[in-house]
């Protein structure tokens, strides 16, 4: 099976988010923000998986756009968790770096796909 970098990275990121969610729920007793980041952080990989199985180029772009938006939302929740002191700066920086990397990969794929389509 061919390796797909964005699929692998988004899946690994989702696993990190699940672990963060479990930490927030059980160690910090935080319930609202943890659900928000769980939803958006795991949605990235789900949308990437849907994009891989897209029925058309438009469907592919749409699913990746959703994944990119979910990535931006996840970054928002991460910043809020850090600034409200539910996670440490060190924890934030590690997860934020992964989210930012995903955001850059998704943006690059979208730009390339749109450029090929407009050629």
C-alpha atoms as a PDB file:
ATOM      1  CA  UNK A   1       0.000   0.000   0.000  1.00  0.00           C
ATOM      2  CA  UNK A   2       1.296   3.435  -0.961  1.00  0.00           C
ATOM      3  CA  UNK A   3       2.184   5.725   1.940  1.00  0.00           C
ATOM      4  CA  UNK A   4       0.200   8.946   2.192  1.00  0.00           C
ATOM      5  CA  UNK A   5       2.026  11.553   4.305  1.00  0.00           C
ATOM      6  CA  UNK A   6      -0.966  13.781   5.044  1.00  0.00           C
ATOM      7  CA  UNK A   7      -3.145  10.774   5.947  1.00  0.00           C
ATOM      8  CA  UNK A   8      -0.454   9.374   8.243  1.00  0.00           C
ATOM      9  CA  UNK A   9       0.250  12.722   9.903  1.00  0.00           C
ATOM     10  CA  UNK A  10      -3.417  13.584  10.373  1.00  0.00           C
ATOM     11  CA  UNK A  11      -4.068  10.160  11.925  1.00  0.00           C
ATOM     12  CA  UNK A  12      -1.087  10.518  14.281  1.00  0.00           C
ATOM     13  CA  UNK A  13      -2.310  14.005  15.168  1.00  0.00           C
ATOM     14  CA  UNK A  14      -5.789  12.640  15.937  1.00  0.00           C
ATOM     15  CA  UNK A  15      -4.214  10.130  18.324  1.00  0.00           C
ATOM     16  CA  UNK A  16      -2.377  12.960  20.095  1.00  0.00           C
ATOM     17  CA  UNK A  17      -5.623  14.899  20.394  1.00  0.00           C
ATOM     18  CA  UNK A  18      -7.406  11.869  21.872  1.00  0.00           C
ATOM     19  CA  UNK A  19      -4.645  11.560  24.483  1.00  0.00           C
ATOM     20  CA  UNK A  20      -4.877  15.287  25.226  1.00  0.00           C
ATOM     21  CA  UNK A  21      -8.655  14.940  25.587  1.00  0.00           C
ATOM     22  CA  UNK A  22      -8.243  12.061  28.043  1.00  0.00           C
ATOM     23  CA  UNK A  23      -5.726  14.092  30.052  1.00  0.00           C
ATOM     24  CA  UNK A  24      -8.006  17.140  30.153  1.00  0.00           C
ATOM     25  CA  UNK A  25     -11.074  15.130  31.114  1.00  0.00           C
ATOM     26  CA  UNK A  26      -9.515  12.990  33.813  1.00  0.00           C
ATOM     27  CA  UNK A  27      -6.604  15.025  35.169  1.00  0.00           C
ATOM     28  CA  UNK A  28      -7.824  18.584  34.749  1.00  0.00           C
ATOM     29  CA  UNK A  29     -11.573  17.914  35.012  1.00  0.00           C
ATOM     30  CA  UNK A  30     -12.124  20.128  31.961  1.00  0.00           C
ATOM     31  CA  UNK A  31     -15.141  19.082  29.895  1.00  0.00           C
ATOM     32  CA  UNK A  32     -16.174  21.803  27.435  1.00  0.00           C
ATOM     33  CA  UNK A  33     -12.917  22.792  25.709  1.00  0.00           C
ATOM     34  CA  UNK A  34     -11.718  19.191  25.697  1.00  0.00           C
ATOM     35  CA  UNK A  35     -14.776  18.117  23.671  1.00  0.00           C
ATOM     36  CA  UNK A  36     -14.249  20.960  21.213  1.00  0.00           C
ATOM     37  CA  UNK A  37     -10.619  20.063  20.538  1.00  0.00           C
ATOM     38  CA  UNK A  38     -11.468  16.361  20.342  1.00  0.00           C
ATOM     39  CA  UNK A  39     -14.099  17.071  17.689  1.00  0.00           C
ATOM     40  CA  UNK A  40     -12.012  19.419  15.540  1.00  0.00           C
ATOM     41  CA  UNK A  41      -8.684  17.615  16.007  1.00  0.00           C
ATOM     42  CA  UNK A  42     -10.020  14.213  14.972  1.00  0.00           C
ATOM     43  CA  UNK A  43     -12.103  15.661  12.148  1.00  0.00           C
ATOM     44  CA  UNK A  44      -8.939  16.657  10.275  1.00  0.00           C
ATOM     45  CA  UNK A  45      -7.935  13.054   9.584  1.00  0.00           C
ATOM     46  CA  UNK A  46     -11.508  11.982   8.860  1.00  0.00           C
ATOM     47  CA  UNK A  47     -11.790  14.647   6.168  1.00  0.00           C
ATOM     48  CA  UNK A  48      -8.395  13.732   4.741  1.00  0.00           C
ATOM     49  CA  UNK A  49      -9.586  10.106   4.519  1.00  0.00           C
ATOM     50  CA  UNK A  50     -12.726  11.256   2.721  1.00  0.00           C
ATOM     51  CA  UNK A  51     -10.638  13.386   0.348  1.00  0.00           C
ATOM     52  CA  UNK A  52      -8.511  10.372  -0.567  1.00  0.00           C
ATOM     53  CA  UNK A  53     -11.689   8.549  -1.604  1.00  0.00           C
ATOM     54  CA  UNK A  54     -13.202  11.601  -3.320  1.00  0.00           C
ATOM     55  CA  UNK A  55     -15.405  11.052  -6.336  1.00  0.00           C
ATOM     56  CA  UNK A  56     -14.143  14.144  -8.165  1.00  0.00           C
ATOM     57  CA  UNK A  57     -11.511  16.869  -8.004  1.00  0.00           C
ATOM     58  CA  UNK A  58     -14.142  19.269  -6.613  1.00  0.00           C
ATOM     59  CA  UNK A  59     -15.042  16.753  -3.894  1.00  0.00           C
ATOM     60  CA  UNK A  60     -11.335  16.297  -3.112  1.00  0.00           C
ATOM     61  CA  UNK A  61     -10.785  20.055  -2.779  1.00  0.00           C
ATOM     62  CA  UNK A  62     -13.935  20.442  -0.669  1.00  0.00           C
ATOM     63  CA  UNK A  63     -12.885  17.745   1.816  1.00  0.00           C
ATOM     64  CA  UNK A  64      -9.357  19.133   2.091  1.00  0.00           C
ATOM     65  CA  UNK A  65     -10.756  22.635   2.618  1.00  0.00           C
ATOM     66  CA  UNK A  66     -12.813  21.285   5.499  1.00  0.00           C
ATOM     67  CA  UNK A  67      -9.715  19.566   6.925  1.00  0.00           C
ATOM     68  CA  UNK A  68      -7.792  22.854   6.681  1.00  0.00           C
ATOM     69  CA  UNK A  69     -10.589  24.724   8.471  1.00  0.00           C
ATOM     70  CA  UNK A  70     -10.695  22.080  11.200  1.00  0.00           C
ATOM     71  CA  UNK A  71      -6.929  22.474  11.597  1.00  0.00           C
ATOM     72  CA  UNK A  72      -7.311  26.230  12.112  1.00  0.00           C
ATOM     73  CA  UNK A  73     -10.098  25.613  14.625  1.00  0.00           C
ATOM     74  CA  UNK A  74      -7.938  23.098  16.494  1.00  0.00           C
ATOM     75  CA  UNK A  75      -5.120  25.656  16.703  1.00  0.00           C
ATOM     76  CA  UNK A  76      -7.617  28.111  18.193  1.00  0.00           C
ATOM     77  CA  UNK A  77      -8.665  25.618  20.894  1.00  0.00           C
ATOM     78  CA  UNK A  78      -5.016  24.808  21.629  1.00  0.00           C
ATOM     79  CA  UNK A  79      -4.230  28.487  22.178  1.00  0.00           C
ATOM     80  CA  UNK A  80      -7.260  28.853  24.412  1.00  0.00           C
ATOM     81  CA  UNK A  81      -6.261  25.815  26.470  1.00  0.00           C
ATOM     82  CA  UNK A  82      -2.755  27.216  26.908  1.00  0.00           C
ATOM     83  CA  UNK A  83      -3.860  30.734  27.763  1.00  0.00           C
ATOM     84  CA  UNK A  84      -6.429  29.441  30.257  1.00  0.00           C
ATOM     85  CA  UNK A  85      -3.655  27.300  31.791  1.00  0.00           C
ATOM     86  CA  UNK A  86      -5.231  23.908  31.182  1.00  0.00           C
ATOM     87  CA  UNK A  87      -2.103  22.859  29.287  1.00  0.00           C
ATOM     88  CA  UNK A  88       1.481  23.966  29.755  1.00  0.00           C
ATOM     89  CA  UNK A  89       3.381  26.049  27.248  1.00  0.00           C
ATOM     90  CA  UNK A  90       5.613  23.032  26.605  1.00  0.00           C
ATOM     91  CA  UNK A  91       2.631  20.786  25.816  1.00  0.00           C
ATOM     92  CA  UNK A  92       1.072  23.500  23.677  1.00  0.00           C
ATOM     93  CA  UNK A  93       4.230  24.030  21.622  1.00  0.00           C
ATOM     94  CA  UNK A  94       4.559  20.343  20.811  1.00  0.00           C
ATOM     95  CA  UNK A  95       0.957  19.844  19.678  1.00  0.00           C
ATOM     96  CA  UNK A  96       0.812  23.284  18.029  1.00  0.00           C
ATOM     97  CA  UNK A  97       3.891  22.439  15.958  1.00  0.00           C
ATOM     98  CA  UNK A  98       2.172  19.301  14.639  1.00  0.00           C
ATOM     99  CA  UNK A  99      -1.024  21.235  13.882  1.00  0.00           C
ATOM    100  CA  UNK A 100       0.915  23.947  12.065  1.00  0.00           C
ATOM    101  CA  UNK A 101       2.765  21.341  10.015  1.00  0.00           C
ATOM    102  CA  UNK A 102      -0.563  19.763   9.023  1.00  0.00           C
ATOM    103  CA  UNK A 103      -1.926  23.175   8.107  1.00  0.00           C
ATOM    104  CA  UNK A 104       1.052  23.832   5.820  1.00  0.00           C
ATOM    105  CA  UNK A 105       0.773  20.425   4.130  1.00  0.00           C
ATOM    106  CA  UNK A 106      -2.961  20.858   3.531  1.00  0.00           C
ATOM    107  CA  UNK A 107      -2.449  24.380   2.167  1.00  0.00           C
ATOM    108  CA  UNK A 108       0.271  23.146  -0.166  1.00  0.00           C
ATOM    109  CA  UNK A 109      -1.875  20.305  -1.506  1.00  0.00           C
ATOM    110  CA  UNK A 110      -4.793  22.667  -2.029  1.00  0.00           C
ATOM    111  CA  UNK A 111      -2.649  25.243  -3.849  1.00  0.00           C
ATOM    112  CA  UNK A 112      -1.116  22.578  -6.077  1.00  0.00           C
ATOM    113  CA  UNK A 113      -4.475  21.001  -6.859  1.00  0.00           C
ATOM    114  CA  UNK A 114      -6.043  24.352  -7.703  1.00  0.00           C
ATOM    115  CA  UNK A 115      -3.028  25.345  -9.848  1.00  0.00           C
ATOM    116  CA  UNK A 116      -3.241  22.082 -11.829  1.00  0.00           C
ATOM    117  CA  UNK A 117      -6.964  22.576 -12.303  1.00  0.00           C
ATOM    118  CA  UNK A 118      -6.504  26.162 -13.525  1.00  0.00           C
ATOM    119  CA  UNK A 119      -3.736  25.196 -15.983  1.00  0.00           C
END
